[in-house]
């Protein structure tokens, strides 16, 4: 199911994580039936992983396994998960510790 909220937000747990991070989104009612994007970036701002690419989501809970878009394991460090909707963009820090 989709979690409806007053404002768009992201929760990541556990944080720090290894090997997987649970990503929970809260999406406001104006964006609920609109396409969203969920992406992981490194500290250099480079795209590491696309979780959702401009799609209407049926769930707001995702798991990132620490791998990039090519299936390669990423290194320890700080990453950012970004939720982008038609009306807003929010991000959350997460730390991968191996």
N, C-alpha and C. Protein backbone atom coordinates (compact mmCIF):
# COMPACT_ATOMS: atom_id res chain seq x y z
N UNK A 1 0.83 -1.19 0.00
CA UNK A 1 0.00 0.00 0.00
C UNK A 1 0.87 1.24 0.00
N UNK A 2 0.25 2.37 -0.32
CA UNK A 2 0.96 3.63 -0.39
C UNK A 2 0.69 4.41 0.89
N UNK A 3 1.75 4.91 1.52
CA UNK A 3 1.64 5.69 2.74
C UNK A 3 1.38 7.16 2.38
N UNK A 4 0.25 7.70 2.83
CA UNK A 4 -0.12 9.08 2.52
C UNK A 4 0.29 9.96 3.69
N UNK A 5 0.86 11.13 3.37
CA UNK A 5 1.35 12.03 4.40
C UNK A 5 1.05 13.47 4.01
N UNK A 6 1.25 14.39 4.97
CA UNK A 6 1.06 15.81 4.69
C UNK A 6 2.17 16.34 3.79
N UNK A 7 3.38 15.85 4.01
CA UNK A 7 4.53 16.25 3.18
C UNK A 7 5.30 15.00 2.77
N UNK A 8 6.02 15.10 1.67
CA UNK A 8 6.83 13.97 1.22
C UNK A 8 8.03 13.81 2.15
N UNK A 9 8.33 12.57 2.51
CA UNK A 9 9.48 12.32 3.37
C UNK A 9 10.02 10.92 3.12
N UNK A 10 11.23 10.69 3.62
CA UNK A 10 11.92 9.41 3.47
C UNK A 10 12.44 8.97 4.83
N UNK A 11 12.29 7.69 5.12
CA UNK A 11 12.93 7.08 6.29
C UNK A 11 13.82 5.96 5.80
N UNK A 12 14.99 5.83 6.41
CA UNK A 12 15.93 4.76 6.06
C UNK A 12 16.28 4.02 7.35
N UNK A 13 16.18 2.70 7.32
CA UNK A 13 16.55 1.91 8.49
C UNK A 13 17.05 0.54 8.04
N UNK A 14 17.98 -0.06 8.73
CA UNK A 14 18.80 0.61 9.74
C UNK A 14 19.72 1.63 9.07
N UNK A 15 20.22 2.54 9.84
CA UNK A 15 21.13 3.55 9.32
C UNK A 15 22.13 3.89 10.41
N UNK A 16 23.39 3.44 10.29
CA UNK A 16 24.06 2.82 9.14
C UNK A 16 23.51 1.43 8.84
N UNK A 17 23.77 0.98 7.59
CA UNK A 17 23.26 -0.31 7.15
C UNK A 17 24.35 -1.17 6.54
N UNK A 18 24.13 -2.47 6.55
CA UNK A 18 24.97 -3.47 5.88
C UNK A 18 24.28 -4.81 6.04
N UNK A 19 23.89 -5.48 5.03
CA UNK A 19 24.12 -5.18 3.61
C UNK A 19 22.97 -4.46 2.94
N UNK A 20 21.77 -4.40 3.60
CA UNK A 20 20.62 -3.78 2.92
C UNK A 20 20.04 -2.65 3.75
N UNK A 21 19.44 -1.69 3.04
CA UNK A 21 18.75 -0.57 3.68
C UNK A 21 17.28 -0.63 3.28
N UNK A 22 16.42 -0.48 4.27
CA UNK A 22 14.98 -0.38 4.01
C UNK A 22 14.65 1.10 3.82
N UNK A 23 13.98 1.40 2.73
CA UNK A 23 13.63 2.78 2.40
C UNK A 23 12.11 2.88 2.42
N UNK A 24 11.59 3.72 3.31
CA UNK A 24 10.14 3.91 3.43
C UNK A 24 9.81 5.34 3.03
N UNK A 25 8.90 5.48 2.09
CA UNK A 25 8.48 6.79 1.61
C UNK A 25 7.13 7.16 2.19
N UNK A 26 6.94 8.44 2.46
CA UNK A 26 5.62 8.98 2.76
C UNK A 26 5.35 10.02 1.68
N UNK A 27 4.25 9.85 0.96
CA UNK A 27 3.95 10.70 -0.19
C UNK A 27 2.67 11.47 0.08
N UNK A 28 2.70 12.79 -0.19
CA UNK A 28 1.52 13.61 0.09
C UNK A 28 0.39 13.27 -0.87
N UNK A 29 -0.83 13.62 -0.47
CA UNK A 29 -2.01 13.21 -1.24
C UNK A 29 -2.04 13.79 -2.65
N UNK A 30 -1.40 14.94 -2.89
CA UNK A 30 -1.37 15.52 -4.24
C UNK A 30 -0.50 14.71 -5.19
N UNK A 31 0.48 13.99 -4.66
CA UNK A 31 1.42 13.24 -5.49
C UNK A 31 1.10 11.74 -5.55
N UNK A 32 0.07 11.30 -4.85
CA UNK A 32 -0.16 9.87 -4.66
C UNK A 32 -0.39 9.12 -5.97
N UNK A 33 -1.06 9.72 -6.92
CA UNK A 33 -1.31 9.05 -8.20
C UNK A 33 -0.42 9.59 -9.32
N UNK A 34 0.66 10.28 -8.93
CA UNK A 34 1.58 10.87 -9.89
C UNK A 34 2.87 10.05 -9.96
N UNK A 35 3.57 10.11 -11.09
CA UNK A 35 4.85 9.40 -11.18
C UNK A 35 5.87 9.97 -10.19
N UNK A 36 6.67 9.08 -9.62
CA UNK A 36 7.75 9.47 -8.72
C UNK A 36 9.04 8.80 -9.17
N UNK A 37 10.16 9.37 -8.74
CA UNK A 37 11.46 8.76 -8.95
C UNK A 37 12.14 8.61 -7.61
N UNK A 38 12.80 7.47 -7.41
CA UNK A 38 13.58 7.22 -6.20
C UNK A 38 14.95 6.77 -6.67
N UNK A 39 15.98 7.55 -6.30
CA UNK A 39 17.33 7.28 -6.78
C UNK A 39 18.34 7.39 -5.65
N UNK A 40 19.44 6.65 -5.79
CA UNK A 40 20.54 6.67 -4.82
C UNK A 40 21.72 7.38 -5.48
N UNK A 41 22.31 8.33 -4.76
CA UNK A 41 23.47 9.07 -5.24
C UNK A 41 24.62 8.93 -4.25
N UNK A 42 25.87 9.03 -4.76
CA UNK A 42 27.02 9.05 -3.87
C UNK A 42 27.32 10.50 -3.47
N UNK A 43 28.36 10.70 -2.66
CA UNK A 43 28.67 12.04 -2.17
C UNK A 43 29.15 12.98 -3.27
N UNK A 44 29.57 12.43 -4.40
CA UNK A 44 29.97 13.25 -5.54
C UNK A 44 28.78 13.68 -6.39
N UNK A 45 27.58 13.23 -6.01
CA UNK A 45 26.39 13.56 -6.77
C UNK A 45 26.15 12.66 -7.97
N UNK A 46 26.91 11.57 -8.06
CA UNK A 46 26.77 10.64 -9.18
C UNK A 46 25.66 9.64 -8.88
N UNK A 47 24.83 9.37 -9.89
CA UNK A 47 23.76 8.39 -9.74
C UNK A 47 24.36 7.00 -9.57
N UNK A 48 23.96 6.32 -8.51
CA UNK A 48 24.45 4.97 -8.22
C UNK A 48 23.39 3.93 -8.58
N UNK A 49 22.14 4.18 -8.17
CA UNK A 49 21.08 3.19 -8.36
C UNK A 49 19.74 3.89 -8.56
N UNK A 50 18.99 3.43 -9.53
CA UNK A 50 17.62 3.89 -9.73
C UNK A 50 16.69 2.82 -9.15
N UNK A 51 15.93 3.20 -8.14
CA UNK A 51 14.97 2.29 -7.51
C UNK A 51 13.63 2.35 -8.25
N UNK A 52 13.15 3.55 -8.50
CA UNK A 52 11.91 3.79 -9.24
C UNK A 52 12.20 4.90 -10.25
N UNK A 53 11.81 4.68 -11.50
CA UNK A 53 12.10 5.65 -12.55
C UNK A 53 10.81 6.24 -13.11
N UNK A 54 10.36 7.34 -12.49
CA UNK A 54 9.22 8.10 -12.99
C UNK A 54 7.97 7.22 -13.19
N UNK A 55 7.61 6.50 -12.13
CA UNK A 55 6.46 5.59 -12.18
C UNK A 55 5.48 5.91 -11.06
N UNK A 56 4.23 5.56 -11.27
CA UNK A 56 3.24 5.60 -10.19
C UNK A 56 3.50 4.36 -9.33
N UNK A 57 3.75 4.57 -8.05
CA UNK A 57 4.13 3.45 -7.19
C UNK A 57 2.90 2.83 -6.52
N UNK A 58 2.97 1.52 -6.34
CA UNK A 58 1.92 0.77 -5.64
C UNK A 58 2.32 0.48 -4.20
N UNK A 59 3.58 0.72 -3.88
CA UNK A 59 4.08 0.53 -2.53
C UNK A 59 5.02 1.69 -2.21
N UNK A 60 5.26 1.93 -0.95
CA UNK A 60 6.20 2.97 -0.56
C UNK A 60 7.34 2.40 0.26
N UNK A 61 7.52 1.09 0.20
CA UNK A 61 8.61 0.43 0.91
C UNK A 61 9.52 -0.27 -0.08
N UNK A 62 10.80 0.06 -0.02
CA UNK A 62 11.78 -0.49 -0.94
C UNK A 62 13.00 -0.94 -0.16
N UNK A 63 13.77 -1.83 -0.76
CA UNK A 63 15.02 -2.30 -0.16
C UNK A 63 16.14 -2.04 -1.15
N UNK A 64 17.23 -1.42 -0.67
CA UNK A 64 18.42 -1.26 -1.49
C UNK A 64 19.47 -2.24 -0.98
N UNK A 65 19.99 -3.07 -1.88
CA UNK A 65 20.96 -4.10 -1.50
C UNK A 65 22.41 -3.63 -1.56
N UNK A 66 22.64 -2.34 -1.73
CA UNK A 66 24.00 -1.82 -1.76
C UNK A 66 24.69 -2.00 -3.09
N UNK A 67 23.94 -2.38 -4.12
CA UNK A 67 24.53 -2.57 -5.46
C UNK A 67 24.13 -1.42 -6.38
N UNK A 68 24.99 -1.15 -7.37
CA UNK A 68 24.71 -0.08 -8.31
C UNK A 68 23.82 -0.58 -9.45
N UNK A 69 23.57 0.29 -10.44
CA UNK A 69 22.71 -0.08 -11.57
C UNK A 69 23.27 -1.22 -12.41
N UNK A 70 24.58 -1.49 -12.30
CA UNK A 70 25.22 -2.58 -13.04
C UNK A 70 25.32 -3.86 -12.24
N UNK A 71 24.81 -3.85 -11.00
CA UNK A 71 24.87 -5.04 -10.15
C UNK A 71 26.15 -5.18 -9.37
N UNK A 72 27.00 -4.14 -9.40
CA UNK A 72 28.26 -4.18 -8.65
C UNK A 72 28.05 -3.69 -7.22
N UNK A 73 28.74 -4.30 -6.27
CA UNK A 73 28.67 -3.85 -4.89
C UNK A 73 29.31 -2.47 -4.77
N UNK A 74 28.67 -1.61 -3.98
CA UNK A 74 29.22 -0.28 -3.75
C UNK A 74 30.13 -0.32 -2.52
N UNK A 75 30.96 0.68 -2.40
CA UNK A 75 31.90 0.73 -1.27
C UNK A 75 31.25 1.39 -0.06
N UNK A 76 31.87 1.21 1.08
CA UNK A 76 31.41 1.87 2.29
C UNK A 76 31.42 3.37 2.09
N UNK A 77 30.47 4.05 2.72
CA UNK A 77 30.43 5.50 2.63
C UNK A 77 29.02 6.06 2.73
N UNK A 78 28.96 7.38 2.56
CA UNK A 78 27.70 8.10 2.64
C UNK A 78 27.00 8.08 1.29
N UNK A 79 25.71 7.84 1.31
CA UNK A 79 24.87 7.86 0.11
C UNK A 79 23.63 8.68 0.42
N UNK A 80 22.96 9.13 -0.61
CA UNK A 80 21.74 9.90 -0.47
C UNK A 80 20.64 9.24 -1.28
N UNK A 81 19.50 9.04 -0.66
CA UNK A 81 18.33 8.56 -1.40
C UNK A 81 17.46 9.78 -1.66
N UNK A 82 17.04 9.95 -2.91
CA UNK A 82 16.25 11.11 -3.31
C UNK A 82 14.89 10.67 -3.83
N UNK A 83 13.84 11.30 -3.31
CA UNK A 83 12.47 11.12 -3.78
C UNK A 83 12.08 12.37 -4.55
N UNK A 84 11.73 12.20 -5.81
CA UNK A 84 11.32 13.33 -6.62
C UNK A 84 9.89 13.09 -7.11
N UNK A 85 9.03 14.08 -6.89
CA UNK A 85 7.65 14.03 -7.35
C UNK A 85 7.38 15.26 -8.20
N UNK A 86 6.15 15.39 -8.65
CA UNK A 86 5.78 16.55 -9.47
C UNK A 86 5.87 17.84 -8.67
N UNK A 87 5.71 17.76 -7.35
CA UNK A 87 5.65 18.98 -6.54
C UNK A 87 6.85 19.19 -5.61
N UNK A 88 7.68 18.18 -5.41
CA UNK A 88 8.79 18.38 -4.47
C UNK A 88 9.92 17.39 -4.71
N UNK A 89 11.01 17.67 -4.02
CA UNK A 89 12.18 16.80 -4.04
C UNK A 89 12.73 16.76 -2.62
N UNK A 90 12.88 15.57 -2.06
CA UNK A 90 13.45 15.42 -0.72
C UNK A 90 14.54 14.36 -0.77
N UNK A 91 15.50 14.47 0.14
CA UNK A 91 16.56 13.48 0.19
C UNK A 91 16.89 13.14 1.64
N UNK A 92 17.55 12.00 1.80
CA UNK A 92 17.93 11.52 3.13
C UNK A 92 19.30 10.87 3.03
N UNK A 93 20.15 11.15 4.02
CA UNK A 93 21.48 10.53 4.08
C UNK A 93 21.37 9.11 4.61
N UNK A 94 22.24 8.25 4.08
CA UNK A 94 22.36 6.91 4.64
C UNK A 94 23.82 6.48 4.54
N UNK A 95 24.23 5.67 5.49
CA UNK A 95 25.63 5.28 5.60
C UNK A 95 25.76 3.77 5.44
N UNK A 96 26.56 3.36 4.45
CA UNK A 96 26.86 1.95 4.24
C UNK A 96 28.19 1.65 4.92
N UNK A 97 28.16 0.75 5.90
CA UNK A 97 29.38 0.33 6.61
C UNK A 97 29.61 -1.15 6.35
N UNK A 98 30.76 -1.47 5.77
CA UNK A 98 31.09 -2.87 5.49
C UNK A 98 32.14 -3.36 6.45
